[in-house]
Amino acid sequence: AVGSGAADATGGWRASEYRARFGGDFDAAKLRALCVAHVRGLAWCAHYYYHGCADWRWHFGFHYAPYAHDLAAVAAELAAASDGPWAE
């Protein structure tokens, strides 16, 4: 669920912030999409600085980044995948 974890058990601040920033219908699927897009953005930046532009058409389609707690969970999942962040 959006904002699951110890910090949210004491007030739900992370879930509340996501709803405030992304709308009331922000759910786990949208959180995952946000995190995947952010990891792709990090990979794009690294590729750009070390190898040149990967794709000029790519853009981060959100105004806000995910919280590190949520990003870490999805990044670990993506790291376990053999295709990397561009696979989805």
Protein backbone atom coordinates (compact mmCIF):
# COMPACT_ATOMS: atom_id res chain seq x y z
CA ALA A 1 0.00 0.00 0.00
CA VAL A 2 1.06 3.58 -0.45
CA GLY A 3 3.01 4.79 2.52
CA SER A 4 3.22 1.51 4.38
CA GLY A 5 5.89 1.33 7.04
CA ALA A 6 6.75 2.37 10.55
CA ALA A 7 6.56 6.11 9.93
CA ASP A 8 3.05 5.82 8.52
CA ALA A 9 1.88 3.66 11.40
CA THR A 10 2.28 6.75 13.60
CA GLY A 11 0.41 9.21 11.43
CA GLY A 12 0.41 8.32 7.76
CA TRP A 13 2.44 11.36 6.75
CA ARG A 14 4.00 9.73 3.66
CA ALA A 15 0.67 8.57 2.22
CA SER A 16 -0.82 11.96 3.04
CA GLU A 17 2.02 13.76 1.26
CA TYR A 18 1.68 11.58 -1.85
CA ARG A 19 -2.07 12.29 -1.99
CA ALA A 20 -1.41 16.02 -1.58
CA ARG A 21 1.24 16.08 -4.32
CA PHE A 22 -0.26 13.61 -6.83
CA GLY A 23 -3.99 13.61 -6.11
CA GLY A 24 -6.34 11.62 -3.94
CA ASP A 25 -6.36 8.61 -6.25
CA PHE A 26 -2.62 7.97 -5.80
CA ASP A 27 -2.22 4.24 -5.15
CA ALA A 28 0.47 1.55 -5.00
CA ALA A 29 0.57 1.14 -8.79
CA LYS A 30 1.14 4.87 -9.29
CA LEU A 31 3.79 4.88 -6.57
CA ARG A 32 5.61 2.06 -8.36
CA ALA A 33 5.39 3.94 -11.67
CA LEU A 34 6.81 7.05 -9.99
CA CYS A 35 9.70 5.08 -8.50
CA VAL A 36 10.47 3.26 -11.76
CA ALA A 37 10.48 6.57 -13.65
CA HIS A 38 12.84 8.06 -11.06
CA VAL A 39 15.26 5.12 -11.32
CA ARG A 40 15.13 5.43 -15.10
CA GLY A 41 15.98 9.11 -14.74
CA LEU A 42 19.00 8.29 -12.59
CA ALA A 43 20.11 5.70 -15.14
CA TRP A 44 19.59 8.24 -17.96
CA CYS A 45 21.77 10.80 -16.16
CA ALA A 46 24.54 8.29 -15.51
CA HIS A 47 24.45 7.12 -19.13
CA TYR A 48 24.48 10.72 -20.37
CA TYR A 49 27.56 11.68 -18.38
CA TYR A 50 29.54 8.49 -19.04
CA HIS A 51 28.45 7.50 -22.57
CA GLY A 52 26.44 10.30 -24.14
CA CYS A 53 22.72 10.79 -24.55
CA ALA A 54 20.69 7.59 -24.31
CA ASP A 55 17.49 9.09 -25.72
CA TRP A 56 16.59 12.78 -26.05
CA ARG A 57 12.89 11.94 -26.05
CA TRP A 58 12.87 10.54 -22.50
CA HIS A 59 11.57 12.78 -19.72
CA PHE A 60 10.56 12.43 -16.08
CA GLY A 61 6.80 12.82 -16.21
CA PHE A 62 6.30 13.92 -12.60
CA HIS A 63 6.85 17.16 -10.70
CA TYR A 64 8.01 15.46 -7.48
CA ALA A 65 10.37 12.62 -6.65
CA PRO A 66 9.40 9.66 -4.46
CA TYR A 67 10.50 9.38 -0.87
CA ALA A 68 13.78 7.48 -0.43
CA HIS A 69 12.05 4.72 1.55
CA ASP A 70 9.73 3.91 -1.35
CA LEU A 71 12.43 4.41 -3.96
CA ALA A 72 14.74 1.96 -2.18
CA ALA A 73 12.11 -0.80 -2.22
CA VAL A 74 11.48 -0.48 -5.97
CA ALA A 75 15.15 0.04 -6.81
CA ALA A 76 16.04 -3.19 -5.03
CA GLU A 77 13.37 -4.98 -7.05
CA LEU A 78 14.70 -3.50 -10.31
CA ALA A 79 18.29 -4.34 -9.39
CA ALA A 80 17.28 -7.97 -9.00
CA ALA A 81 15.89 -7.96 -12.56
CA SER A 82 18.49 -8.83 -15.18
CA ASP A 83 17.31 -6.20 -17.69
CA GLY A 84 17.84 -3.11 -15.55
CA PRO A 85 15.68 -0.01 -15.24
CA TRP A 86 14.88 0.33 -18.96
CA ALA A 87 13.17 -3.07 -19.19
CA GLU A 88 9.59 -2.12 -18.37
